[in-house]
Amino acid sequence: MTRTRYSYSASLKSNESDEPINTYIIRPLAGLIVWPLTYTSITPNQVTIASLCAGFFAAYLYAQGTNGAITAAGLFVTLKDVLDSADGQLARATQRYSRLGRFLDSLGDVAVNASLFAAIGFTLFHTTGSIALLLLSALAFLSTTMRVSYHVFYHTAFLHLQDTYTINRLVEDIREEDLQDKKTLHLQRFFLVVYGWQDRLIARLDVWCRGGGELGDQRANMWFGDRTALRLSGCMGMGTELGMLTLFSLLHRLEEYLVVNVVGGNLLAVGAVLYRRFALRRRLTRMERSPS
């Protein structure tokens, strides 16, 4: 079997719309794993499963509640993140990406995140007796899920703008071509239950931010390609979220992490929305009024 020569750059999506932590740390580390894997029969979906196993093991460690276990959990969170990048990079490097892998990855991520925050909430409740920390853990999980979905929306929109990696859709809907693969269809339907409402909400929020109307090529390039807006949403992706969790785990500051997650993370999200609504929309309006 002839294999395509490995190219790190070909394994990436886009540094312009990706998270800074992915660009400079996570994806280079993942590349060290992907390079030898391209010469094996290991599939991207198998790497996805390994990533999920690392994430679930991290949740188990958080539930133990000791300082040593929390430190180890933080390291396994990073391992999960690196493997999570490696599966997609392997798929792109070997041209083996699929809709099945797309749904497996996304559904696995939300299951792992639910386990992580449940374990953190359990540990903090066990050590402090505070129900408020249980509720804060649940709120942090919901906040993280929404922020990551916000990032994915604009990351995907930018990739579509570049006519790359169009296997992902801005809003997943079941189309006629999806009915052919039953296994993938089952995962897609589950995906829609978990993420469908989020995608629709963010799509409507995007329309509100730009004031409605259709986006022609020039307007779309300006709206979805704005570097400041992409950097703001890029700070809300999965890599950044898990990187923060790792940092606070190594410092043994899980309570502070939840506060930073909910307060700081959501303030950043509000700032990103307001930037699009007012600053970027003003530029869009000037473009519309300027002579062709």
Protein backbone atom coordinates (compact mmCIF):
# COMPACT_ATOMS: atom_id res chain seq x y z
CA MET A 1 0.00 0.00 0.00
CA THR A 2 1.42 3.40 -1.04
CA ARG A 3 1.23 6.04 1.68
CA THR A 4 1.34 9.79 1.25
CA ARG A 5 4.52 11.27 2.69
CA TYR A 6 3.79 12.87 6.04
CA SER A 7 3.47 16.65 6.06
CA TYR A 8 2.84 18.48 9.32
CA SER A 9 1.38 21.51 7.54
CA ALA A 10 -1.05 19.28 5.64
CA SER A 11 -2.33 17.88 8.95
CA LEU A 12 -3.49 21.30 10.16
CA LYS A 13 -6.76 23.13 9.57
CA SER A 14 -5.83 26.82 9.80
CA ASN A 15 -3.52 28.69 12.16
CA GLU A 16 -5.50 31.87 11.45
CA SER A 17 -8.72 30.62 13.03
CA ASP A 18 -7.30 28.01 15.39
CA GLU A 19 -6.58 28.56 19.08
CA PRO A 20 -3.16 30.02 19.93
CA ILE A 21 -2.53 27.20 22.42
CA ASN A 22 -3.20 24.69 19.64
CA THR A 23 -0.99 26.49 17.14
CA TYR A 24 2.05 26.78 19.39
CA ILE A 25 1.76 23.88 21.85
CA ILE A 26 -0.89 21.22 21.37
CA ARG A 27 -0.70 20.60 17.62
CA PRO A 28 3.13 20.44 17.50
CA LEU A 29 2.99 17.87 20.33
CA ALA A 30 0.27 15.97 18.49
CA GLY A 31 2.44 16.05 15.37
CA LEU A 32 5.09 14.03 17.18
CA ILE A 33 2.47 11.31 17.66
CA VAL A 34 0.89 11.58 14.22
CA TRP A 35 4.13 11.27 12.25
CA PRO A 36 4.89 7.65 13.26
CA LEU A 37 1.19 6.74 13.18
CA THR A 38 1.00 7.55 9.48
CA TYR A 39 3.16 4.46 8.89
CA THR A 40 0.82 2.17 10.82
CA SER A 41 -2.70 0.83 10.35
CA ILE A 42 -3.98 2.79 13.37
CA THR A 43 -7.03 4.81 12.37
CA PRO A 44 -8.06 8.33 13.44
CA ASN A 45 -11.13 6.88 15.20
CA GLN A 46 -8.88 4.62 17.27
CA VAL A 47 -6.90 7.69 18.33
CA THR A 48 -10.20 9.36 19.23
CA ILE A 49 -11.06 6.42 21.49
CA ALA A 50 -7.63 6.66 23.13
CA SER A 51 -8.27 10.36 23.73
CA LEU A 52 -11.61 9.59 25.36
CA CYS A 53 -10.03 6.95 27.58
CA ALA A 54 -7.45 9.50 28.78
CA GLY A 55 -10.24 11.97 29.51
CA PHE A 56 -12.36 9.49 31.45
CA PHE A 57 -9.32 8.38 33.43
CA ALA A 58 -8.65 12.02 34.30
CA ALA A 59 -12.23 12.25 35.63
CA TYR A 60 -11.61 9.15 37.75
CA LEU A 61 -8.47 10.77 39.18
CA TYR A 62 -10.30 14.00 40.01
CA ALA A 63 -12.87 11.95 41.92
CA GLN A 64 -10.09 10.57 44.16
CA GLY A 65 -9.57 14.07 45.54
CA THR A 66 -5.95 13.81 46.69
CA ASN A 67 -3.33 16.33 45.61
CA GLY A 68 -1.38 13.64 43.79
CA ALA A 69 -4.45 12.42 41.95
CA ILE A 70 -5.47 15.96 40.96
CA THR A 71 -1.97 16.64 39.60
CA ALA A 72 -2.09 13.41 37.60
CA ALA A 73 -5.60 14.27 36.41
CA GLY A 74 -4.35 17.58 35.03
CA LEU A 75 -1.62 15.78 33.09
CA PHE A 76 -4.13 13.29 31.68
CA VAL A 77 -6.35 16.21 30.64
CA THR A 78 -3.45 17.48 28.55
CA LEU A 79 -2.84 13.99 27.16
CA LYS A 80 -6.51 13.85 26.21
CA ASP A 81 -6.18 17.23 24.48
CA VAL A 82 -3.07 16.20 22.55
CA LEU A 83 -4.69 12.96 21.38
CA ASP A 84 -7.84 14.91 20.53
CA SER A 85 -5.75 17.03 18.18
CA ALA A 86 -3.84 14.00 16.90
CA ASP A 87 -6.95 12.20 15.63
CA GLY A 88 -7.91 15.05 13.32
CA GLN A 89 -4.33 15.66 12.24
CA LEU A 90 -3.91 11.97 11.42
CA ALA A 91 -7.17 12.05 9.45
CA ARG A 92 -6.03 15.03 7.40
CA ALA A 93 -2.47 13.75 6.93
CA THR A 94 -3.72 10.40 5.61
CA GLN A 95 -6.94 11.64 3.96
CA ARG A 96 -9.03 9.40 6.22
CA TYR A 97 -11.41 11.94 7.74
CA SER A 98 -15.07 10.98 7.89
CA ARG A 99 -18.45 12.14 9.13
CA LEU A 100 -18.46 9.22 11.57
CA GLY A 101 -15.22 10.45 13.11
CA ARG A 102 -16.57 13.99 13.28
CA PHE A 103 -19.59 12.94 15.37
CA LEU A 104 -17.63 10.45 17.49
CA ASP A 105 -15.13 13.17 18.39
CA SER A 106 -17.75 15.80 19.30
CA LEU A 107 -19.98 13.45 21.29
CA GLY A 108 -16.97 12.00 23.06
CA ASP A 109 -15.81 15.48 24.03
CA VAL A 110 -19.10 16.40 25.69
CA ALA A 111 -19.21 13.05 27.52
CA VAL A 112 -15.66 13.52 28.82
CA ASN A 113 -16.34 17.12 29.85
CA ALA A 114 -19.47 16.07 31.72
CA SER A 115 -17.43 13.43 33.56
CA LEU A 116 -14.63 15.88 34.37
CA PHE A 117 -16.92 18.53 35.83
CA ALA A 118 -19.00 15.96 37.68
CA ALA A 119 -15.83 14.55 39.26
CA ILE A 120 -14.53 18.01 40.15
CA GLY A 121 -17.88 18.93 41.69
CA PHE A 122 -17.95 15.67 43.64
CA THR A 123 -14.45 16.21 45.00
CA LEU A 124 -15.10 19.81 46.02
CA PHE A 125 -18.40 18.90 47.65
CA HIS A 126 -16.75 15.99 49.50
CA THR A 127 -13.96 18.23 50.84
CA THR A 128 -16.01 21.37 51.60
CA GLY A 129 -19.61 20.22 51.91
CA SER A 130 -20.63 23.15 49.71
CA ILE A 131 -23.59 22.52 47.40
CA ALA A 132 -22.76 25.85 45.75
CA LEU A 133 -19.58 24.30 44.35
CA LEU A 134 -21.61 21.45 42.88
CA LEU A 135 -23.83 23.99 41.13
CA LEU A 136 -20.79 25.99 40.04
CA SER A 137 -19.31 22.84 38.48
CA ALA A 138 -22.51 22.26 36.53
CA LEU A 139 -22.53 25.89 35.39
CA ALA A 140 -18.88 25.61 34.35
CA PHE A 141 -19.71 22.55 32.25
CA LEU A 142 -22.56 24.35 30.48
CA SER A 143 -20.44 27.48 30.00
CA THR A 144 -17.54 25.50 28.57
CA THR A 145 -19.84 23.63 26.18
CA MET A 146 -21.38 26.84 24.87
CA ARG A 147 -18.06 28.66 24.49
CA VAL A 148 -16.51 25.75 22.62
CA SER A 149 -19.54 25.62 20.31
CA TYR A 150 -19.14 29.37 19.69
CA HIS A 151 -15.50 28.85 18.73
CA VAL A 152 -16.31 25.87 16.50
CA PHE A 153 -18.99 27.87 14.65
CA TYR A 154 -16.62 30.65 13.62
CA HIS A 155 -13.67 28.30 13.10
CA THR A 156 -15.82 26.23 10.73
CA ALA A 157 -17.18 29.33 8.99
CA PHE A 158 -13.64 30.53 8.32
CA LEU A 159 -12.61 27.13 6.96
CA HIS A 160 -15.62 27.15 4.64
CA LEU A 161 -14.57 30.62 3.56
CA GLN A 162 -11.19 29.16 2.60
CA ASP A 163 -12.96 26.21 0.94
CA THR A 164 -11.15 23.75 3.22
CA TYR A 165 -12.38 21.01 5.54
CA THR A 166 -15.99 21.38 4.45
CA ILE A 167 -16.84 17.96 5.90
CA ASN A 168 -18.04 19.90 8.98
CA ARG A 169 -21.19 21.99 8.55
CA LEU A 170 -22.02 25.25 10.28
CA VAL A 171 -25.35 23.82 11.39
CA GLU A 172 -25.71 20.06 11.16
CA ASP A 173 -28.94 18.97 9.55
CA ILE A 174 -29.87 15.57 8.18
CA ARG A 175 -29.65 15.61 4.41
CA GLU A 176 -30.49 13.01 1.81
CA GLU A 177 -26.87 11.90 1.48
CA ASP A 178 -26.72 11.28 5.24
CA LEU A 179 -29.34 8.53 5.02
CA GLN A 180 -26.99 6.09 3.30
CA ASP A 181 -24.73 5.32 6.29
CA LYS A 182 -26.90 4.08 9.17
CA LYS A 183 -24.12 3.98 11.76
CA THR A 184 -23.13 7.58 11.08
CA LEU A 185 -26.79 8.60 10.93
CA HIS A 186 -27.41 7.28 14.46
CA LEU A 187 -24.48 9.34 15.77
CA GLN A 188 -25.65 12.37 13.82
CA ARG A 189 -29.11 12.19 15.39
CA PHE A 190 -27.54 11.94 18.85
CA PHE A 191 -25.29 14.87 17.92
CA LEU A 192 -28.33 16.95 17.02
CA VAL A 193 -29.90 16.26 20.42
CA VAL A 194 -26.76 17.43 22.21
CA TYR A 195 -25.48 20.18 19.93
CA GLY A 196 -28.31 21.06 17.55
CA TRP A 197 -29.89 23.68 19.79
CA GLN A 198 -26.47 25.22 20.46
CA ASP A 199 -25.64 25.51 16.76
CA ARG A 200 -29.01 27.08 16.00
CA LEU A 201 -28.67 29.52 18.90
CA ILE A 202 -25.19 30.63 17.81
CA ALA A 203 -26.30 30.93 14.17
CA ARG A 204 -29.14 33.23 15.29
CA LEU A 205 -26.75 35.17 17.51
CA ASP A 206 -24.49 35.65 14.51
CA VAL A 207 -27.38 37.01 12.43
CA TRP A 208 -28.26 39.41 15.27
CA CYS A 209 -24.66 40.60 15.55
CA ARG A 210 -24.42 41.51 11.87
CA GLY A 211 -27.93 42.91 11.65
CA GLY A 212 -29.39 40.25 9.38
CA GLY A 213 -29.26 40.17 5.63
CA GLU A 214 -27.51 37.86 3.24
CA LEU A 215 -23.72 37.69 3.15
CA GLY A 216 -22.17 38.04 -0.27
CA ASP A 217 -18.59 36.98 -0.88
CA GLN A 218 -17.05 40.32 0.10
CA ARG A 219 -19.18 40.71 3.24
CA ALA A 220 -18.55 37.09 4.26
CA ASN A 221 -14.81 37.53 3.85
CA MET A 222 -14.85 40.55 6.11
CA TRP A 223 -17.26 39.10 8.66
CA PHE A 224 -15.88 35.59 9.08
CA GLY A 225 -12.28 36.46 8.26
CA ASP A 226 -11.75 39.28 10.76
CA ARG A 227 -8.55 38.43 12.67
CA THR A 228 -9.54 40.11 15.95
CA ALA A 229 -12.88 38.31 16.05
CA LEU A 230 -11.18 34.99 15.26
CA ARG A 231 -8.62 35.51 18.03
CA LEU A 232 -11.37 36.26 20.53
CA SER A 233 -13.35 33.15 19.62
CA GLY A 234 -10.07 31.21 19.42
CA CYS A 235 -9.59 31.76 23.15
CA MET A 236 -12.77 29.77 23.80
CA GLY A 237 -11.90 26.51 22.06
CA MET A 238 -11.44 23.12 23.67
CA GLY A 239 -7.65 23.37 23.79
CA THR A 240 -7.77 26.63 25.75
CA GLU A 241 -10.47 25.34 28.10
CA LEU A 242 -8.56 22.16 28.89
CA GLY A 243 -5.28 24.05 29.15
CA MET A 244 -6.76 26.24 31.89
CA LEU A 245 -8.04 23.16 33.70
CA THR A 246 -4.58 21.57 33.56
CA LEU A 247 -2.92 24.73 34.92
CA PHE A 248 -5.27 25.07 37.88
CA SER A 249 -5.05 21.33 38.56
CA LEU A 250 -1.27 21.51 38.82
CA LEU A 251 -1.70 24.42 41.24
CA HIS A 252 -4.39 22.49 43.18
CA ARG A 253 -6.82 25.38 42.79
CA LEU A 254 -9.98 23.74 41.48
CA GLU A 255 -12.34 26.14 43.25
CA GLU A 256 -10.57 29.12 41.70
CA TYR A 257 -10.67 27.36 38.33
CA LEU A 258 -14.45 27.14 38.46
CA VAL A 259 -14.72 30.86 39.23
CA VAL A 260 -12.33 31.79 36.42
CA ASN A 261 -14.19 29.46 34.07
CA VAL A 262 -17.64 30.86 34.78
CA VAL A 263 -16.81 34.53 35.39
CA GLY A 264 -13.72 35.13 33.27
CA GLY A 265 -14.67 32.78 30.44
CA ASN A 266 -18.17 34.17 30.08
CA LEU A 267 -16.96 37.78 30.22
CA LEU A 268 -14.64 36.89 27.33
CA ALA A 269 -17.59 35.39 25.46
CA VAL A 270 -19.68 38.51 26.02
CA GLY A 271 -16.76 40.64 24.82
CA ALA A 272 -16.46 38.56 21.64
CA VAL A 273 -20.19 38.95 20.92
CA LEU A 274 -20.13 42.70 21.59
CA TYR A 275 -17.10 43.14 19.33
CA ARG A 276 -18.99 41.54 16.46
CA ARG A 277 -22.24 43.36 17.24
CA PHE A 278 -20.77 46.86 17.43
CA ALA A 279 -17.21 47.15 16.05
CA LEU A 280 -17.37 44.58 13.26
CA ARG A 281 -20.97 45.40 12.34
CA ARG A 282 -19.99 49.07 11.96
CA ARG A 283 -17.30 48.08 9.48
CA LEU A 284 -19.81 45.88 7.67
CA THR A 285 -22.25 48.82 7.43
CA ARG A 286 -19.53 51.13 6.05
CA MET A 287 -18.67 48.51 3.46
CA GLU A 288 -22.31 48.32 2.34
CA ARG A 289 -22.56 52.10 2.02
CA SER A 290 -19.30 52.59 0.19
CA PRO A 291 -19.47 52.77 -3.63
CA SER A 292 -18.58 49.55 -5.42
